[in-house]
Each structure stands twice: as C-alpha cells, then as structure tokens.
Amino acid sequence: MATALVDARTELKQIPPLRESHGLDTVEDAYAVQDAANKIWLGQGRRLVGRKIGLTSPAVQAQMGIDQPDYGMLWADYFFTDGEVVDTGRFMQPKAELEVAFVMDRGFDDPEAPMAELIRRVAYAVPALEVVDTAIRDWDIKLVDTVADNASGGGFLLGLGARRLTDLDLRLCGGILSCNGRVVSRGLGVDCMGSPLNATLWLARRMAQLGQPLAEGDIVMSGAFGPMVPVGPGEAYLAEISGFSPIQVNFDDGGAGA
C-alpha cells in the first residue's frame, strides 16, 4: 500500500481508495502504511520539516465517527512562501485551507506535558495556507484512506510577519480566504479544536508518545479555520487572519514551484 501511494504521488496518477483495493480497515494499519511511505520518501532523499494536523473540526470528526484529529508529515520540497507562484501541476486534486502555523523553539518530548509547557516551547506563529491533496481518486476518502495518504497532505505556504503567542488571541482571531477577490472560506480559531494551540498540544503529546517528538525548528500546521476549497491555475488567493500580515499566493499550471 505504501508503494502504491508513493508511486501515485510520484507519477501524479490517482488510485482507488485503499479500503477497497487493499482492504485497509483500521486506523492503526493506516498509520503503519503512512510510516512505511515515509521511510520510502526518506530513503529517496526527501527531508522532513514538521507535521500537519487534519480533521480538527468537531463537525468533521462527528461525520467521520472519530473523537480526535489525525496527522501527517510536512516535506521541504513542498514548502512555499508568501507571494510565490505555485504550480498546480505538482498536485493531483489540490484544495486550500487557511491555517496558523507554529515553529518550535525547543523540542517537546513529554506525552503528558501541559499547555503551559507547549507555549514555552513555541518560538512564534505565522499565517499559513495548506494545499491539501490526495492520491485517492476523486477525493473518495474515508478515515483510513486519508491517514494512510499522509493525512491528505500536499504542500504548505507560510506567511511573513511572525508573531509571539503573547501578542495573539488564537481562540477568537478570525480568518478569511479570498480567491480572485471573492471570499471563499472563513472561520475562527475556535473552530480548530477550540484553539489552534489545543490541536498542537494534541499533536505534540501524540508524537512524544510515539517516540517521534517535535524538535527545535519543526513547523506545525495546526488545522483549518474553515472549509477547504479547490484551487486551479489562474487563481490568486489572499489569506487574512486577524493579528497577522496578509499572505498572497498565485496558482498557475507552469509556476515556479518550491
């Protein structure tokens, strides 16, 4: 299954849901597939730069029949910056999500550490846009499919103007995502597990529990403020989150890429 996913991502060819083609039916097995795919990627020279959190919306969790989010990896070769032109040809079925990202000042290796400890170990927050993608044909995903396929991770874009946590109200800050001047998604920090920091604490504890703790310099994409929206060539996105500088990204079918 891991080989099928890596091949699909490399060749940009969609595949049937793993739950149907391979009988994948447990979340534990799905994470084992994700881990195996990560080992293949690392063996090919890709570099990990952090983690992403998915399924942070309580409504989506209820729809999936789960009570916690999922996680995936962030890869250096799909890291974009504010103002960049992103080539949609590097993805199969890209969609955009408005998020806040955190950069770790120090590692986090205690699976029972409190929120105060996480706050002490975060260097700063930045506005971010995640480009989610999946190798599963037509986004026909269930929980096991998205977990196995890197939590539907694609690429990610970080804005400028880093902010210290003491300067932000991450629970009440609002965000809007506009495409070609039209608002297409909106939400509040509270829509992300009550706060993006709540989602990040869940991830930090989980990674510590698994023996893969967050390290100094790691980036954490903390989860969506609002619904994800499809992106395509010729579209310009403006992401605005209160307390942060706005970020812009253009999508094209022959852009500069990462």
Protein backbone atom coordinates (compact mmCIF):
# COMPACT_ATOMS: atom_id res chain seq x y z
CA MET A 1 0.00 0.00 0.00
CA ALA A 2 2.84 2.38 0.81
CA THR A 3 4.47 1.66 -2.54
CA ALA A 4 1.16 2.27 -4.31
CA LEU A 5 0.82 5.66 -2.62
CA VAL A 6 4.40 6.71 -3.31
CA ASP A 7 4.08 5.67 -6.95
CA ALA A 8 0.77 7.54 -7.27
CA ARG A 9 2.25 10.69 -5.78
CA THR A 10 5.38 10.44 -7.92
CA GLU A 11 3.54 9.78 -11.17
CA LEU A 12 0.59 12.07 -10.27
CA LYS A 13 -1.86 9.29 -11.07
CA GLN A 14 -4.89 8.81 -8.85
CA ILE A 15 -5.63 5.38 -7.39
CA PRO A 16 -8.75 3.74 -5.95
CA PRO A 17 -9.44 4.01 -2.20
CA LEU A 18 -7.14 1.69 -0.26
CA ARG A 19 -10.09 0.44 1.78
CA GLU A 20 -11.44 -1.04 -1.45
CA SER A 21 -8.31 -2.02 -3.37
CA HIS A 22 -6.36 -3.43 -0.39
CA GLY A 23 -8.95 -3.96 2.34
CA LEU A 24 -7.44 -1.31 4.64
CA ASP A 25 -9.85 -1.11 7.56
CA THR A 26 -8.16 0.08 10.77
CA VAL A 27 -6.58 3.40 11.70
CA GLU A 28 -3.61 1.58 13.23
CA ASP A 29 -2.88 -0.13 9.92
CA ALA A 30 -3.39 3.18 8.09
CA TYR A 31 -0.70 4.85 10.21
CA ALA A 32 1.56 1.86 9.56
CA VAL A 33 1.10 2.49 5.83
CA GLN A 34 1.89 6.18 6.32
CA ASP A 35 5.05 5.29 8.26
CA ALA A 36 6.15 2.86 5.56
CA ALA A 37 5.61 5.50 2.87
CA ASN A 38 7.62 8.00 4.92
CA LYS A 39 10.52 5.56 5.08
CA ILE A 40 10.44 5.22 1.30
CA TRP A 41 10.41 9.00 0.86
CA LEU A 42 13.26 9.49 3.32
CA GLY A 43 15.25 6.80 1.54
CA GLN A 44 14.78 8.75 -1.68
CA GLY A 45 16.28 11.86 -0.08
CA ARG A 46 13.22 13.88 0.90
CA ARG A 47 13.55 15.98 4.04
CA LEU A 48 11.00 16.30 6.84
CA VAL A 49 10.45 19.80 8.24
CA GLY A 50 7.45 19.29 10.51
CA ARG A 51 3.95 17.90 10.94
CA LYS A 52 0.42 18.76 9.87
CA ILE A 53 -2.81 18.20 11.74
CA GLY A 54 -6.05 17.27 10.00
CA LEU A 55 -9.67 16.69 10.94
CA THR A 56 -9.62 19.38 13.63
CA SER A 57 -13.24 20.43 13.10
CA PRO A 58 -15.63 18.84 15.64
CA ALA A 59 -18.28 18.66 12.91
CA VAL A 60 -15.99 16.76 10.56
CA GLN A 61 -14.89 14.45 13.38
CA ALA A 62 -18.52 13.63 14.12
CA GLN A 63 -19.12 12.95 10.43
CA MET A 64 -16.13 10.58 10.37
CA GLY A 65 -17.20 8.90 13.63
CA ILE A 66 -13.98 9.80 15.47
CA ASP A 67 -13.10 11.85 18.54
CA GLN A 68 -9.63 13.11 17.63
CA PRO A 69 -7.77 14.57 14.64
CA ASP A 70 -5.11 12.89 12.51
CA TYR A 71 -1.59 13.87 11.50
CA GLY A 72 0.81 13.76 8.58
CA MET A 73 4.24 15.00 7.55
CA LEU A 74 5.49 18.29 6.07
CA TRP A 75 8.13 17.91 3.36
CA ALA A 76 10.74 20.52 2.43
CA ASP A 77 10.20 20.14 -1.32
CA TYR A 78 6.57 21.25 -0.99
CA PHE A 79 7.29 24.30 1.19
CA PHE A 80 6.23 27.62 -0.39
CA THR A 81 6.48 31.23 0.78
CA ASP A 82 4.33 34.35 0.69
CA GLY A 83 3.95 35.78 -2.82
CA GLU A 84 5.16 32.66 -4.59
CA VAL A 85 3.60 31.22 -7.74
CA VAL A 86 2.61 27.62 -7.02
CA ASP A 87 2.49 25.18 -9.91
CA THR A 88 -0.79 23.24 -9.74
CA GLY A 89 0.84 20.63 -11.99
CA ARG A 90 2.72 19.34 -8.94
CA PHE A 91 -0.59 18.19 -7.43
CA MET A 92 -3.46 15.94 -8.44
CA GLN A 93 -6.55 17.38 -6.76
CA PRO A 94 -5.38 20.44 -4.79
CA LYS A 95 -7.51 22.32 -2.30
CA ALA A 96 -6.58 25.19 0.01
CA GLU A 97 -7.09 25.63 3.76
CA LEU A 98 -6.49 28.73 5.87
CA GLU A 99 -4.43 27.96 8.99
CA VAL A 100 -2.00 29.19 11.62
CA ALA A 101 1.41 27.52 11.75
CA PHE A 102 3.77 27.31 14.70
CA VAL A 103 7.55 26.99 14.70
CA MET A 104 9.12 25.18 17.64
CA ASP A 105 11.83 26.90 19.65
CA ARG A 106 12.62 23.72 21.58
CA GLY A 107 11.71 20.07 21.31
CA PHE A 108 8.70 18.56 23.05
CA ASP A 109 9.20 15.02 24.34
CA ASP A 110 6.76 14.68 27.26
CA PRO A 111 3.47 12.98 26.31
CA GLU A 112 1.80 14.38 29.42
CA ALA A 113 3.15 17.95 29.40
CA PRO A 114 0.58 20.72 30.00
CA MET A 115 -0.38 23.55 27.67
CA ALA A 116 1.92 25.95 29.53
CA GLU A 117 4.89 23.81 28.53
CA LEU A 118 3.88 23.88 24.89
CA ILE A 119 3.55 27.67 24.98
CA ARG A 120 7.05 27.94 26.42
CA ARG A 121 8.42 25.79 23.62
CA VAL A 122 6.79 27.56 20.65
CA ALA A 123 9.03 30.23 19.12
CA TYR A 124 6.36 32.04 17.12
CA ALA A 125 3.23 31.74 14.99
CA VAL A 126 2.76 32.68 11.33
CA PRO A 127 -0.24 32.80 9.00
CA ALA A 128 -0.31 29.85 6.64
CA LEU A 129 -2.09 28.21 3.76
CA GLU A 130 -2.13 24.46 3.33
CA VAL A 131 -2.50 22.92 -0.11
CA VAL A 132 -4.16 19.62 0.68
CA ASP A 133 -4.11 16.86 -1.92
CA THR A 134 -4.82 13.17 -2.18
CA ALA A 135 -3.77 10.29 -4.36
CA ILE A 136 -7.21 8.72 -3.82
CA ARG A 137 -9.35 9.09 -6.90
CA ASP A 138 -11.96 11.89 -6.83
CA TRP A 139 -11.40 12.58 -3.11
CA ASP A 140 -13.32 9.38 -2.33
CA ILE A 141 -11.75 9.10 1.11
CA LYS A 142 -12.66 7.63 4.45
CA LEU A 143 -10.57 7.99 7.59
CA VAL A 144 -8.23 5.10 6.78
CA ASP A 145 -7.57 6.42 3.28
CA THR A 146 -6.63 9.92 4.39
CA VAL A 147 -4.46 8.71 7.30
CA ALA A 148 -2.52 6.34 5.06
CA ASP A 149 -2.06 9.04 2.42
CA ASN A 150 -0.22 11.47 4.75
CA ALA A 151 -3.47 12.90 6.16
CA SER A 152 -4.13 14.21 2.63
CA GLY A 153 -1.08 16.45 2.90
CA GLY A 154 0.17 18.20 -0.21
CA GLY A 155 2.11 21.42 0.23
CA PHE A 156 2.11 24.38 2.57
CA LEU A 157 2.81 28.09 2.41
CA LEU A 158 3.99 30.26 5.30
CA GLY A 159 3.41 33.99 5.51
CA LEU A 160 5.74 36.64 6.83
CA GLY A 161 5.39 38.71 9.98
CA ALA A 162 5.92 36.16 12.74
CA ARG A 163 4.03 36.82 16.00
CA ARG A 164 4.72 35.77 19.57
CA LEU A 165 1.89 33.86 21.24
CA THR A 166 1.53 36.56 23.91
CA ASP A 167 0.54 39.04 21.17
CA LEU A 168 -2.35 36.92 19.84
CA ASP A 169 -5.79 35.69 20.81
CA LEU A 170 -5.70 32.47 18.83
CA ARG A 171 -9.12 31.36 20.04
CA LEU A 172 -11.02 34.43 18.86
CA CYS A 173 -8.93 35.51 15.88
CA GLY A 174 -10.83 35.35 12.63
CA GLY A 175 -9.67 34.47 9.16
CA ILE A 176 -10.96 34.83 5.62
CA LEU A 177 -9.64 33.29 2.43
CA SER A 178 -10.37 35.05 -0.85
CA CYS A 179 -9.95 33.81 -4.41
CA ASN A 180 -9.67 36.45 -7.14
CA GLY A 181 -11.26 38.97 -4.78
CA ARG A 182 -14.17 36.76 -3.64
CA VAL A 183 -14.37 35.31 -0.13
CA VAL A 184 -14.44 31.50 -0.42
CA SER A 185 -13.78 30.34 3.16
CA ARG A 186 -13.88 31.85 6.62
CA GLY A 187 -13.65 30.79 10.24
CA LEU A 188 -12.31 31.43 13.73
CA GLY A 189 -9.52 29.94 15.75
CA VAL A 190 -12.14 28.38 17.99
CA ASP A 191 -13.25 26.26 15.01
CA CYS A 192 -9.92 24.40 15.22
CA MET A 193 -10.46 22.19 18.30
CA GLY A 194 -11.30 25.27 20.36
CA SER A 195 -7.92 26.85 19.52
CA PRO A 196 -5.03 26.06 17.17
CA LEU A 197 -2.94 25.57 20.31
CA ASN A 198 -5.25 22.79 21.51
CA ALA A 199 -4.67 20.95 18.23
CA THR A 200 -0.92 21.49 18.50
CA LEU A 201 -0.81 20.20 22.08
CA TRP A 202 -2.64 17.05 20.96
CA LEU A 203 -0.06 16.56 18.20
CA ALA A 204 2.95 17.27 20.43
CA ARG A 205 1.78 14.77 23.03
CA ARG A 206 0.97 12.17 20.40
CA MET A 207 4.35 12.48 18.69
CA ALA A 208 6.13 12.23 22.05
CA GLN A 209 4.11 9.12 22.88
CA LEU A 210 5.16 7.53 19.58
CA GLY A 211 8.83 8.30 20.13
CA GLN A 212 8.86 10.83 17.26
CA PRO A 213 8.82 14.08 19.27
CA LEU A 214 8.65 17.54 17.76
CA ALA A 215 12.14 19.04 17.54
CA GLU A 216 13.62 22.51 17.54
CA GLY A 217 12.76 24.26 14.28
CA ASP A 218 9.88 21.95 13.38
CA ILE A 219 6.88 23.56 11.69
CA VAL A 220 3.38 22.58 12.79
CA MET A 221 0.38 23.25 10.56
CA SER A 222 -2.32 23.34 13.21
CA GLY A 223 -5.53 22.73 11.26
CA ALA A 224 -8.09 24.60 9.18
CA PHE A 225 -10.08 27.64 10.26
CA GLY A 226 -12.76 26.99 7.65
CA PRO A 227 -13.77 24.67 4.80
CA MET A 228 -11.17 23.69 2.22
CA VAL A 229 -11.72 24.98 -1.32
CA PRO A 230 -10.49 23.65 -4.69
CA VAL A 231 -7.68 25.58 -6.36
CA GLY A 232 -6.73 25.81 -10.00
CA PRO A 233 -4.39 27.63 -12.39
CA GLY A 234 -5.03 31.32 -12.87
CA GLU A 235 -6.34 31.82 -9.34
CA ALA A 236 -4.94 34.33 -6.85
CA TYR A 237 -5.54 33.75 -3.15
CA LEU A 238 -5.39 36.24 -0.31
CA ALA A 239 -5.35 34.84 3.23
CA GLU A 240 -6.14 37.23 6.07
CA ILE A 241 -6.07 36.30 9.76
CA SER A 242 -6.54 38.93 12.42
CA GLY A 243 -3.30 39.76 14.19
CA PHE A 244 -1.17 38.71 11.21
CA SER A 245 0.03 40.23 7.96
CA PRO A 246 -1.99 39.03 4.94
CA ILE A 247 -0.43 36.45 2.65
CA GLN A 248 -0.81 36.06 -1.10
CA VAL A 249 -0.26 33.16 -3.44
CA ASN A 250 -0.93 32.69 -7.13
CA PHE A 251 -1.61 29.32 -8.70
CA ASP A 252 -0.59 28.54 -12.26
CA ASP A 253 0.00 25.46 -14.39
CA GLY A 254 3.59 26.42 -15.07
CA GLY A 255 4.64 28.30 -11.95
CA ALA A 256 7.96 28.36 -10.22
CA GLY A 257 7.05 25.69 -7.65
CA ALA A 258 9.07 25.20 -4.47
